[in-house]
Amino acid sequence: MLKYQNILVAIDGSKEAEWALKKGIEIAKRNHAKLLLVHVIDTRTFATADSFDRLIAEKADQFAEEMLKDFQEQAVQAGVEDVQYEIHFGSPKITIPKDIAKKHNIDLIICGATGMNAVERFLIGSVSEHITRYAPCDVLIVRTEKEEESK
Protein backbone atom coordinates (compact mmCIF):
# COMPACT_ATOMS: atom_id res chain seq x y z
CA MET A 1 0.00 0.00 0.00
CA LEU A 2 1.29 3.43 -0.90
CA LYS A 3 1.55 5.78 2.05
CA TYR A 4 2.52 9.40 2.34
CA GLN A 5 5.26 10.06 4.88
CA ASN A 6 6.01 13.79 4.55
CA ILE A 7 3.13 16.12 3.75
CA LEU A 8 3.54 19.85 3.11
CA VAL A 9 0.54 22.16 3.44
CA ALA A 10 1.01 25.59 1.85
CA ILE A 11 -0.58 28.21 4.10
CA ASP A 12 -1.29 31.72 2.83
CA GLY A 13 -3.99 32.90 5.21
CA SER A 14 -6.86 32.28 2.77
CA LYS A 15 -10.00 30.23 3.29
CA GLU A 16 -8.64 27.75 0.75
CA ALA A 17 -5.52 27.28 2.90
CA GLU A 18 -7.72 26.46 5.91
CA TRP A 19 -9.46 23.78 3.85
CA ALA A 20 -6.07 22.51 2.67
CA LEU A 21 -5.00 22.25 6.32
CA LYS A 22 -8.13 20.24 7.19
CA LYS A 23 -7.45 17.81 4.33
CA GLY A 24 -3.77 17.66 5.30
CA ILE A 25 -4.62 16.77 8.88
CA GLU A 26 -6.89 13.92 7.81
CA ILE A 27 -4.40 12.53 5.27
CA ALA A 28 -1.53 12.80 7.79
CA LYS A 29 -3.56 10.94 10.43
CA ARG A 30 -4.51 8.13 8.02
CA ASN A 31 -0.89 7.73 6.89
CA HIS A 32 0.82 8.43 10.25
CA ALA A 33 2.76 11.06 8.30
CA LYS A 34 4.75 14.12 9.28
CA LEU A 35 3.00 17.41 8.53
CA LEU A 36 4.97 20.50 7.51
CA LEU A 37 3.04 23.79 7.42
CA VAL A 38 4.73 26.37 5.19
CA HIS A 39 4.09 30.06 4.64
CA VAL A 40 6.14 31.93 2.06
CA ILE A 41 6.13 35.71 2.37
CA ASP A 42 6.19 36.95 -1.20
CA THR A 43 9.13 39.35 -1.50
CA ARG A 44 7.71 40.85 -4.69
CA THR A 45 5.60 43.02 -2.41
CA PHE A 46 8.75 44.67 -1.02
CA ALA A 47 10.11 46.71 -3.93
CA THR A 48 12.65 48.78 -2.02
CA ALA A 49 14.90 48.14 0.96
CA ASP A 50 13.95 51.11 3.09
CA SER A 51 12.89 50.92 6.73
CA PHE A 52 9.19 50.98 5.83
CA ASP A 53 9.59 47.77 3.82
CA ARG A 54 11.54 46.14 6.63
CA LEU A 55 8.73 47.03 9.02
CA ILE A 56 6.18 45.49 6.66
CA ALA A 57 8.33 42.35 6.36
CA GLU A 58 8.62 42.09 10.15
CA LYS A 59 4.85 42.46 10.55
CA ALA A 60 4.25 39.83 7.85
CA ASP A 61 6.67 37.47 9.60
CA GLN A 62 4.96 38.04 12.97
CA PHE A 63 1.51 37.43 11.43
CA ALA A 64 2.74 34.23 9.76
CA GLU A 65 4.31 32.98 13.00
CA GLU A 66 1.05 33.44 14.94
CA MET A 67 -1.04 31.87 12.17
CA LEU A 68 1.23 28.83 11.81
CA LYS A 69 1.46 28.25 15.57
CA ASP A 70 -2.35 28.24 15.70
CA PHE A 71 -2.59 25.79 12.79
CA GLN A 72 0.13 23.61 14.31
CA GLU A 73 -1.87 23.45 17.55
CA GLN A 74 -5.04 22.54 15.62
CA ALA A 75 -3.23 19.68 13.87
CA VAL A 76 -1.76 18.33 17.12
CA GLN A 77 -5.13 18.50 18.87
CA ALA A 78 -6.68 16.65 15.91
CA GLY A 79 -4.21 13.80 16.43
CA VAL A 80 -1.26 14.44 14.11
CA GLU A 81 1.85 13.46 16.07
CA ASP A 82 4.59 15.29 14.14
CA VAL A 83 3.70 18.83 13.02
CA GLN A 84 6.33 21.43 12.17
CA TYR A 85 6.13 24.79 10.45
CA GLU A 86 8.46 27.04 8.50
CA ILE A 87 8.32 30.61 7.25
CA HIS A 88 10.26 31.58 4.14
CA PHE A 89 10.76 34.74 2.12
CA GLY A 90 10.68 34.60 -1.67
CA SER A 91 8.32 33.54 -4.42
CA PRO A 92 5.86 30.92 -3.11
CA LYS A 93 5.44 29.28 -6.50
CA ILE A 94 9.19 28.70 -6.83
CA THR A 95 10.22 28.18 -3.19
CA ILE A 96 7.61 25.54 -2.32
CA PRO A 97 8.12 23.03 -5.15
CA LYS A 98 11.78 23.59 -5.95
CA ASP A 99 13.35 24.23 -2.54
CA ILE A 100 11.22 23.26 0.45
CA ALA A 101 9.68 20.09 -1.01
CA LYS A 102 13.08 18.72 -2.00
CA LYS A 103 14.78 19.72 1.27
CA HIS A 104 12.19 17.82 3.34
CA ASN A 105 11.62 14.84 1.00
CA ILE A 106 7.97 15.83 0.68
CA ASP A 107 5.80 13.24 -1.07
CA LEU A 108 2.53 15.24 -1.03
CA ILE A 109 1.96 18.99 -1.31
CA ILE A 110 -1.49 20.28 -0.44
CA CYS A 111 -2.53 23.81 -1.35
CA GLY A 112 -5.69 25.76 -1.95
CA ALA A 113 -6.97 26.83 -5.32
CA THR A 114 -5.72 30.40 -5.58
CA GLY A 115 -7.70 33.59 -5.27
CA MET A 116 -5.85 35.42 -8.04
CA ASN A 117 -7.85 37.23 -10.66
CA ALA A 118 -7.89 36.18 -14.33
CA VAL A 119 -5.37 38.82 -15.47
CA GLU A 120 -2.78 37.80 -12.83
CA ARG A 121 -3.25 34.12 -13.72
CA PHE A 122 -2.75 34.89 -17.40
CA LEU A 123 0.38 36.99 -16.85
CA ILE A 124 2.21 35.12 -14.10
CA GLY A 125 0.26 31.93 -13.47
CA SER A 126 -1.27 30.85 -10.21
CA VAL A 127 0.79 29.54 -7.32
CA SER A 128 -1.12 26.24 -7.27
CA GLU A 129 -0.66 25.78 -11.02
CA HIS A 130 3.08 26.39 -10.73
CA ILE A 131 3.40 24.00 -7.77
CA THR A 132 1.54 21.33 -9.75
CA ARG A 133 3.83 21.80 -12.72
CA TYR A 134 7.18 21.80 -10.86
CA ALA A 135 6.68 19.73 -7.72
CA PRO A 136 8.77 16.57 -7.40
CA CYS A 137 5.81 14.77 -5.79
CA ASP A 138 2.02 14.43 -5.75
CA VAL A 139 -0.01 17.64 -5.40
CA LEU A 140 -3.54 18.03 -4.07
CA ILE A 141 -5.37 21.27 -4.93
CA VAL A 142 -8.19 21.89 -2.45
CA ARG A 143 -11.31 23.87 -3.26
CA THR A 144 -13.62 25.34 -0.64
CA GLU A 145 -17.23 24.23 -0.22
CA LYS A 146 -18.31 27.60 -1.62
CA GLU A 147 -16.46 26.88 -4.88
CA GLU A 148 -18.06 23.44 -5.06
CA GLU A 149 -21.57 24.84 -4.52
CA SER A 150 -21.21 27.41 -7.32
CA LYS A 151 -20.65 24.73 -9.98
C-alpha atoms as a PDB file:
ATOM      1  CA  MET A   1       0.000   0.000   0.000  1.00  0.00           C
ATOM      2  CA  LEU A   2       1.286   3.433  -0.903  1.00  0.00           C
ATOM      3  CA  LYS A   3       1.554   5.777   2.047  1.00  0.00           C
ATOM      4  CA  TYR A   4       2.521   9.405   2.341  1.00  0.00           C
ATOM      5  CA  GLN A   5       5.264  10.056   4.879  1.00  0.00           C
ATOM      6  CA  ASN A   6       6.008  13.793   4.553  1.00  0.00           C
ATOM      7  CA  ILE A   7       3.131  16.123   3.754  1.00  0.00           C
ATOM      8  CA  LEU A   8       3.539  19.848   3.107  1.00  0.00           C
ATOM      9  CA  VAL A   9       0.543  22.164   3.443  1.00  0.00           C
ATOM     10  CA  ALA A  10       1.010  25.585   1.847  1.00  0.00           C
ATOM     11  CA  ILE A  11      -0.583  28.206   4.097  1.00  0.00           C
ATOM     12  CA  ASP A  12      -1.292  31.723   2.828  1.00  0.00           C
ATOM     13  CA  GLY A  13      -3.995  32.904   5.213  1.00  0.00           C
ATOM     14  CA  SER A  14      -6.858  32.285   2.770  1.00  0.00           C
ATOM     15  CA  LYS A  15     -10.004  30.230   3.294  1.00  0.00           C
ATOM     16  CA  GLU A  16      -8.641  27.749   0.748  1.00  0.00           C
ATOM     17  CA  ALA A  17      -5.525  27.281   2.900  1.00  0.00           C
ATOM     18  CA  GLU A  18      -7.718  26.461   5.905  1.00  0.00           C
ATOM     19  CA  TRP A  19      -9.460  23.778   3.847  1.00  0.00           C
ATOM     20  CA  ALA A  20      -6.072  22.512   2.672  1.00  0.00           C
ATOM     21  CA  LEU A  21      -5.001  22.249   6.323  1.00  0.00           C
ATOM     22  CA  LYS A  22      -8.125  20.238   7.192  1.00  0.00           C
ATOM     23  CA  LYS A  23      -7.451  17.811   4.329  1.00  0.00           C
ATOM     24  CA  GLY A  24      -3.769  17.657   5.299  1.00  0.00           C
ATOM     25  CA  ILE A  25      -4.625  16.773   8.882  1.00  0.00           C
ATOM     26  CA  GLU A  26      -6.892  13.916   7.806  1.00  0.00           C
ATOM     27  CA  ILE A  27      -4.398  12.534   5.274  1.00  0.00           C
ATOM     28  CA  ALA A  28      -1.531  12.801   7.794  1.00  0.00           C
ATOM     29  CA  LYS A  29      -3.564  10.937  10.434  1.00  0.00           C
ATOM     30  CA  ARG A  30      -4.511   8.128   8.024  1.00  0.00           C
ATOM     31  CA  ASN A  31      -0.891   7.734   6.893  1.00  0.00           C
ATOM     32  CA  HIS A  32       0.815   8.426  10.248  1.00  0.00           C
ATOM     33  CA  ALA A  33       2.764  11.056   8.304  1.00  0.00           C
ATOM     34  CA  LYS A  34       4.745  14.117   9.282  1.00  0.00           C
ATOM     35  CA  LEU A  35       3.002  17.406   8.526  1.00  0.00           C
ATOM     36  CA  LEU A  36       4.968  20.501   7.509  1.00  0.00           C
ATOM     37  CA  LEU A  37       3.045  23.787   7.416  1.00  0.00           C
ATOM     38  CA  VAL A  38       4.725  26.367   5.187  1.00  0.00           C
ATOM     39  CA  HIS A  39       4.086  30.056   4.640  1.00  0.00           C
ATOM     40  CA  VAL A  40       6.143  31.930   2.064  1.00  0.00           C
ATOM     41  CA  ILE A  41       6.133  35.711   2.372  1.00  0.00           C
ATOM     42  CA  ASP A  42       6.189  36.949  -1.200  1.00  0.00           C
ATOM     43  CA  THR A  43       9.134  39.347  -1.498  1.00  0.00           C
ATOM     44  CA  ARG A  44       7.713  40.853  -4.694  1.00  0.00           C
ATOM     45  CA  THR A  45       5.601  43.020  -2.412  1.00  0.00           C
ATOM     46  CA  PHE A  46       8.754  44.674  -1.020  1.00  0.00           C
ATOM     47  CA  ALA A  47      10.108  46.709  -3.927  1.00  0.00           C
ATOM     48  CA  THR A  48      12.654  48.780  -2.020  1.00  0.00           C
ATOM     49  CA  ALA A  49      14.897  48.139   0.957  1.00  0.00           C
ATOM     50  CA  ASP A  50      13.955  51.113   3.087  1.00  0.00           C
ATOM     51  CA  SER A  51      12.890  50.919   6.730  1.00  0.00           C
ATOM     52  CA  PHE A  52       9.188  50.984   5.826  1.00  0.00           C
ATOM     53  CA  ASP A  53       9.592  47.770   3.817  1.00  0.00           C
ATOM     54  CA  ARG A  54      11.540  46.139   6.629  1.00  0.00           C
ATOM     55  CA  LEU A  55       8.729  47.031   9.024  1.00  0.00           C
ATOM     56  CA  ILE A  56       6.177  45.485   6.661  1.00  0.00           C
ATOM     57  CA  ALA A  57       8.332  42.346   6.361  1.00  0.00           C
ATOM     58  CA  GLU A  58       8.625  42.094  10.153  1.00  0.00           C
ATOM     59  CA  LYS A  59       4.850  42.463  10.554  1.00  0.00           C
ATOM     60  CA  ALA A  60       4.254  39.827   7.847  1.00  0.00           C
ATOM     61  CA  ASP A  61       6.667  37.466   9.602  1.00  0.00           C
ATOM     62  CA  GLN A  62       4.963  38.043  12.968  1.00  0.00           C
ATOM     63  CA  PHE A  63       1.511  37.430  11.427  1.00  0.00           C
ATOM     64  CA  ALA A  64       2.741  34.228   9.759  1.00  0.00           C
ATOM     65  CA  GLU A  65       4.306  32.977  13.001  1.00  0.00           C
ATOM     66  CA  GLU A  66       1.046  33.442  14.939  1.00  0.00           C
ATOM     67  CA  MET A  67      -1.039  31.866  12.170  1.00  0.00           C
ATOM     68  CA  LEU A  68       1.234  28.828  11.813  1.00  0.00           C
ATOM     69  CA  LYS A  69       1.461  28.249  15.571  1.00  0.00           C
ATOM     70  CA  ASP A  70      -2.345  28.244  15.702  1.00  0.00           C
ATOM     71  CA  PHE A  71      -2.585  25.793  12.789  1.00  0.00           C
ATOM     72  CA  GLN A  72       0.129  23.605  14.314  1.00  0.00           C
ATOM     73  CA  GLU A  73      -1.871  23.445  17.549  1.00  0.00           C
ATOM     74  CA  GLN A  74      -5.040  22.536  15.616  1.00  0.00           C
ATOM     75  CA  ALA A  75      -3.233  19.679  13.871  1.00  0.00           C
ATOM     76  CA  VAL A  76      -1.755  18.332  17.121  1.00  0.00           C
ATOM     77  CA  GLN A  77      -5.134  18.505  18.875  1.00  0.00           C
ATOM     78  CA  ALA A  78      -6.683  16.649  15.915  1.00  0.00           C
ATOM     79  CA  GLY A  79      -4.215  13.803  16.435  1.00  0.00           C
ATOM     80  CA  VAL A  80      -1.259  14.443  14.114  1.00  0.00           C
ATOM     81  CA  GLU A  81       1.847  13.458  16.066  1.00  0.00           C
ATOM     82  CA  ASP A  82       4.592  15.295  14.140  1.00  0.00           C
ATOM     83  CA  VAL A  83       3.702  18.825  13.024  1.00  0.00           C
ATOM     84  CA  GLN A  84       6.333  21.429  12.165  1.00  0.00           C
ATOM     85  CA  TYR A  85       6.131  24.790  10.455  1.00  0.00           C
ATOM     86  CA  GLU A  86       8.456  27.041   8.501  1.00  0.00           C
ATOM     87  CA  ILE A  87       8.319  30.609   7.252  1.00  0.00           C
ATOM     88  CA  HIS A  88      10.263  31.581   4.144  1.00  0.00           C
ATOM     89  CA  PHE A  89      10.757  34.744   2.125  1.00  0.00           C
ATOM     90  CA  GLY A  90      10.684  34.596  -1.674  1.00  0.00           C
ATOM     91  CA  SER A  91       8.319  33.541  -4.423  1.00  0.00           C
ATOM     92  CA  PRO A  92       5.860  30.916  -3.115  1.00  0.00           C
ATOM     93  CA  LYS A  93       5.438  29.281  -6.497  1.00  0.00           C
ATOM     94  CA  ILE A  94       9.192  28.695  -6.828  1.00  0.00           C
ATOM     95  CA  THR A  95      10.223  28.185  -3.190  1.00  0.00           C
ATOM     96  CA  ILE A  96       7.606  25.544  -2.319  1.00  0.00           C
ATOM     97  CA  PRO A  97       8.116  23.027  -5.153  1.00  0.00           C
ATOM     98  CA  LYS A  98      11.784  23.589  -5.947  1.00  0.00           C
ATOM     99  CA  ASP A  99      13.346  24.232  -2.541  1.00  0.00           C
ATOM    100  CA  ILE A 100      11.221  23.256   0.455  1.00  0.00           C
ATOM    101  CA  ALA A 101       9.680  20.089  -1.014  1.00  0.00           C
ATOM    102  CA  LYS A 102      13.076  18.725  -2.003  1.00  0.00           C
ATOM    103  CA  LYS A 103      14.778  19.716   1.267  1.00  0.00           C
ATOM    104  CA  HIS A 104      12.187  17.820   3.343  1.00  0.00           C
ATOM    105  CA  ASN A 105      11.615  14.838   0.999  1.00  0.00           C
ATOM    106  CA  ILE A 106       7.970  15.826   0.676  1.00  0.00           C
ATOM    107  CA  ASP A 107       5.801  13.243  -1.067  1.00  0.00           C
ATOM    108  CA  LEU A 108       2.531  15.237  -1.030  1.00  0.00           C
ATOM    109  CA  ILE A 109       1.962  18.987  -1.309  1.00  0.00           C
ATOM    110  CA  ILE A 110      -1.494  20.279  -0.438  1.00  0.00           C
ATOM    111  CA  CYS A 111      -2.530  23.807  -1.352  1.00  0.00           C
ATOM    112  CA  GLY A 112      -5.689  25.763  -1.949  1.00  0.00           C
ATOM    113  CA  ALA A 113      -6.970  26.832  -5.316  1.00  0.00           C
ATOM    114  CA  THR A 114      -5.725  30.402  -5.585  1.00  0.00           C
ATOM    115  CA  GLY A 115      -7.697  33.588  -5.266  1.00  0.00           C
ATOM    116  CA  MET A 116      -5.852  35.425  -8.041  1.00  0.00           C
ATOM    117  CA  ASN A 117      -7.850  37.234 -10.660  1.00  0.00           C
ATOM    118  CA  ALA A 118      -7.886  36.176 -14.328  1.00  0.00           C
ATOM    119  CA  VAL A 119      -5.366  38.822 -15.468  1.00  0.00           C
ATOM    120  CA  GLU A 120      -2.781  37.801 -12.834  1.00  0.00           C
ATOM    121  CA  ARG A 121      -3.247  34.117 -13.715  1.00  0.00           C
ATOM    122  CA  PHE A 122      -2.751  34.892 -17.401  1.00  0.00           C
ATOM    123  CA  LEU A 123       0.380  36.991 -16.850  1.00  0.00           C
ATOM    124  CA  ILE A 124       2.211  35.123 -14.101  1.00  0.00           C
ATOM    125  CA  GLY A 125       0.263  31.931 -13.471  1.00  0.00           C
ATOM    126  CA  SER A 126      -1.275  30.849 -10.206  1.00  0.00           C
ATOM    127  CA  VAL A 127       0.788  29.540  -7.322  1.00  0.00           C
ATOM    128  CA  SER A 128      -1.121  26.245  -7.269  1.00  0.00           C
ATOM    129  CA  GLU A 129      -0.658  25.781 -11.022  1.00  0.00           C
ATOM    130  CA  HIS A 130       3.080  26.391 -10.731  1.00  0.00           C
ATOM    131  CA  ILE A 131       3.396  24.003  -7.772  1.00  0.00           C
ATOM    132  CA  THR A 132       1.541  21.331  -9.750  1.00  0.00           C
ATOM    133  CA  ARG A 133       3.831  21.796 -12.718  1.00  0.00           C
ATOM    134  CA  TYR A 134       7.177  21.802 -10.864  1.00  0.00           C
ATOM    135  CA  ALA A 135       6.679  19.727  -7.717  1.00  0.00           C
ATOM    136  CA  PRO A 136       8.773  16.566  -7.396  1.00  0.00           C
ATOM    137  CA  CYS A 137       5.805  14.771  -5.794  1.00  0.00           C
ATOM    138  CA  ASP A 138       2.017  14.434  -5.753  1.00  0.00           C
ATOM    139  CA  VAL A 139      -0.005  17.636  -5.400  1.00  0.00           C
ATOM    140  CA  LEU A 140      -3.539  18.027  -4.069  1.00  0.00           C
ATOM    141  CA  ILE A 141      -5.367  21.267  -4.927  1.00  0.00           C
ATOM    142  CA  VAL A 142      -8.187  21.887  -2.451  1.00  0.00           C
ATOM    143  CA  ARG A 143     -11.306  23.866  -3.260  1.00  0.00           C
ATOM    144  CA  THR A 144     -13.619  25.341  -0.641  1.00  0.00           C
ATOM    145  CA  GLU A 145     -17.226  24.233  -0.216  1.00  0.00           C
ATOM    146  CA  LYS A 146     -18.312  27.600  -1.622  1.00  0.00           C
ATOM    147  CA  GLU A 147     -16.462  26.876  -4.880  1.00  0.00           C
ATOM    148  CA  GLU A 148     -18.058  23.436  -5.059  1.00  0.00           C
ATOM    149  CA  GLU A 149     -21.567  24.842  -4.516  1.00  0.00           C
ATOM    150  CA  SER A 150     -21.212  27.410  -7.316  1.00  0.00           C
ATOM    151  CA  LYS A 151     -20.650  24.731  -9.980  1.00  0.00           C
END
